[in-house]
Amino acid sequence: MSIVVRIPTQLRTLTQNQEEVTASGDTVRALVDDLGGRFPGLRERIVDDKGIRRFINVFLNDEDVRFLDKLDTAVKAGDVVSLIPAVAGG
């Protein structure tokens, strides 16, 4: 099943400047793995050995997956996953 993944501007150099791509899988983890196989370097920018990197927010539709099942959050046809870089400043 293909899920739409929205790519932030900062990561589009890794997706040939595409703002949306599709990925296959039944969990967020599977989507990230699929993206990493098709777009070298993208997986490492999203996750590390501890899980989702602190400076990347991953939303399934309108919900932050950190408040769901993190990388094990299930996805289904029609869902949209958005990768959103964290913003900090002072």
C-alpha atoms as a PDB file:
ATOM      1  CA  MET A   1       0.000   0.000   0.000  1.00  0.00           C
ATOM      2  CA  SER A   2       1.311   3.458  -0.871  1.00  0.00           C
ATOM      3  CA  ILE A   3       1.211   6.286   1.628  1.00  0.00           C
ATOM      4  CA  VAL A   4       1.864   9.941   0.776  1.00  0.00           C
ATOM      5  CA  VAL A   5       4.831  11.384   2.647  1.00  0.00           C
ATOM      6  CA  ARG A   6       5.314  15.156   2.705  1.00  0.00           C
ATOM      7  CA  ILE A   7       8.963  16.180   2.601  1.00  0.00           C
ATOM      8  CA  PRO A   8      10.171  19.460   4.168  1.00  0.00           C
ATOM      9  CA  THR A   9      12.268  21.857   2.120  1.00  0.00           C
ATOM     10  CA  GLN A  10      15.419  20.977   4.092  1.00  0.00           C
ATOM     11  CA  LEU A  11      15.252  17.325   2.991  1.00  0.00           C
ATOM     12  CA  ARG A  12      14.117  17.753  -0.610  1.00  0.00           C
ATOM     13  CA  THR A  13      17.656  17.592  -1.961  1.00  0.00           C
ATOM     14  CA  LEU A  14      17.493  13.904  -1.005  1.00  0.00           C
ATOM     15  CA  THR A  15      14.197  13.344  -2.881  1.00  0.00           C
ATOM     16  CA  GLN A  16      15.117  15.061  -6.165  1.00  0.00           C
ATOM     17  CA  ASN A  17      13.316  18.196  -4.912  1.00  0.00           C
ATOM     18  CA  GLN A  18       9.964  16.423  -4.597  1.00  0.00           C
ATOM     19  CA  GLU A  19       7.717  17.870  -1.898  1.00  0.00           C
ATOM     20  CA  GLU A  20       5.619  14.706  -1.763  1.00  0.00           C
ATOM     21  CA  VAL A  21       6.651  11.113  -2.353  1.00  0.00           C
ATOM     22  CA  THR A  22       4.927   7.801  -1.804  1.00  0.00           C
ATOM     23  CA  ALA A  23       6.221   5.035   0.408  1.00  0.00           C
ATOM     24  CA  SER A  24       5.083   1.494   1.090  1.00  0.00           C
ATOM     25  CA  GLY A  25       4.577  -0.187   4.426  1.00  0.00           C
ATOM     26  CA  ASP A  26       2.113  -0.826   7.213  1.00  0.00           C
ATOM     27  CA  THR A  27       3.954   1.169   9.915  1.00  0.00           C
ATOM     28  CA  VAL A  28       5.867   4.427  10.067  1.00  0.00           C
ATOM     29  CA  ARG A  29       9.062   2.362  10.514  1.00  0.00           C
ATOM     30  CA  ALA A  30       8.373   0.460   7.280  1.00  0.00           C
ATOM     31  CA  LEU A  31       7.729   3.743   5.438  1.00  0.00           C
ATOM     32  CA  VAL A  32      11.010   5.211   6.681  1.00  0.00           C
ATOM     33  CA  ASP A  33      12.865   2.046   5.646  1.00  0.00           C
ATOM     34  CA  ASP A  34      11.254   2.167   2.199  1.00  0.00           C
ATOM     35  CA  LEU A  35      12.171   5.834   1.793  1.00  0.00           C
ATOM     36  CA  GLY A  36      15.728   5.105   2.895  1.00  0.00           C
ATOM     37  CA  GLY A  37      16.067   2.417   0.254  1.00  0.00           C
ATOM     38  CA  ARG A  38      14.859   4.706  -2.516  1.00  0.00           C
ATOM     39  CA  PHE A  39      16.414   7.974  -1.352  1.00  0.00           C
ATOM     40  CA  PRO A  40      19.900   7.363   0.076  1.00  0.00           C
ATOM     41  CA  GLY A  41      20.607   9.387   3.209  1.00  0.00           C
ATOM     42  CA  LEU A  42      16.975  10.176   3.989  1.00  0.00           C
ATOM     43  CA  ARG A  43      16.479   7.472   6.612  1.00  0.00           C
ATOM     44  CA  GLU A  44      19.503   8.657   8.587  1.00  0.00           C
ATOM     45  CA  ARG A  45      18.111  12.197   8.644  1.00  0.00           C
ATOM     46  CA  ILE A  46      14.801  10.963  10.136  1.00  0.00           C
ATOM     47  CA  VAL A  47      15.840   8.248  12.599  1.00  0.00           C
ATOM     48  CA  ASP A  48      18.854   7.083  14.566  1.00  0.00           C
ATOM     49  CA  ASP A  49      19.454   4.043  16.776  1.00  0.00           C
ATOM     50  CA  LYS A  50      17.205   5.562  19.486  1.00  0.00           C
ATOM     51  CA  GLY A  51      14.222   6.230  17.206  1.00  0.00           C
ATOM     52  CA  ILE A  52      12.928   9.409  15.598  1.00  0.00           C
ATOM     53  CA  ARG A  53      15.542  12.153  15.792  1.00  0.00           C
ATOM     54  CA  ARG A  54      14.739  14.939  18.235  1.00  0.00           C
ATOM     55  CA  PHE A  55      14.760  17.641  15.563  1.00  0.00           C
ATOM     56  CA  ILE A  56      12.274  15.872  13.255  1.00  0.00           C
ATOM     57  CA  ASN A  57       8.559  15.662  14.005  1.00  0.00           C
ATOM     58  CA  VAL A  58       6.618  12.939  12.240  1.00  0.00           C
ATOM     59  CA  PHE A  59       2.886  13.413  11.909  1.00  0.00           C
ATOM     60  CA  LEU A  60       0.368  10.828  10.769  1.00  0.00           C
ATOM     61  CA  ASN A  61      -2.474  12.896   9.385  1.00  0.00           C
ATOM     62  CA  ASP A  62      -2.714  15.504  12.205  1.00  0.00           C
ATOM     63  CA  GLU A  63      -1.225  13.459  15.067  1.00  0.00           C
ATOM     64  CA  ASP A  64       2.379  13.419  16.268  1.00  0.00           C
ATOM     65  CA  VAL A  65       3.487   9.770  16.177  1.00  0.00           C
ATOM     66  CA  ARG A  66       5.465  10.333  19.404  1.00  0.00           C
ATOM     67  CA  PHE A  67       2.078  10.361  21.163  1.00  0.00           C
ATOM     68  CA  LEU A  68       0.909   7.268  19.299  1.00  0.00           C
ATOM     69  CA  ASP A  69       3.150   4.203  18.849  1.00  0.00           C
ATOM     70  CA  LYS A  70       6.194   6.125  17.562  1.00  0.00           C
ATOM     71  CA  LEU A  71       7.848   4.205  14.702  1.00  0.00           C
ATOM     72  CA  ASP A  72       5.450   1.304  15.233  1.00  0.00           C
ATOM     73  CA  THR A  73       2.402   3.483  14.489  1.00  0.00           C
ATOM     74  CA  ALA A  74       0.215   1.705  11.927  1.00  0.00           C
ATOM     75  CA  VAL A  75      -0.621   3.414   8.638  1.00  0.00           C
ATOM     76  CA  LYS A  76      -3.328   2.648   6.113  1.00  0.00           C
ATOM     77  CA  ALA A  77      -4.329   3.658   2.616  1.00  0.00           C
ATOM     78  CA  GLY A  78      -5.325   7.309   2.447  1.00  0.00           C
ATOM     79  CA  ASP A  79      -3.076   8.379   5.331  1.00  0.00           C
ATOM     80  CA  VAL A  80      -0.603  11.223   4.928  1.00  0.00           C
ATOM     81  CA  VAL A  81       2.688  11.308   6.806  1.00  0.00           C
ATOM     82  CA  SER A  82       4.373  14.689   7.217  1.00  0.00           C
ATOM     83  CA  LEU A  83       8.013  15.151   8.156  1.00  0.00           C
ATOM     84  CA  ILE A  84       8.346  18.480   9.925  1.00  0.00           C
ATOM     85  CA  PRO A  85      11.652  19.861  11.174  1.00  0.00           C
ATOM     86  CA  ALA A  86      11.612  21.174  14.722  1.00  0.00           C
ATOM     87  CA  VAL A  87      12.016  24.924  15.027  1.00  0.00           C
ATOM     88  CA  ALA A  88      14.058  26.440  17.819  1.00  0.00           C
ATOM     89  CA  GLY A  89      15.379  29.858  18.519  1.00  0.00           C
ATOM     90  CA  GLY A  90      15.831  32.441  21.074  1.00  0.00           C
END
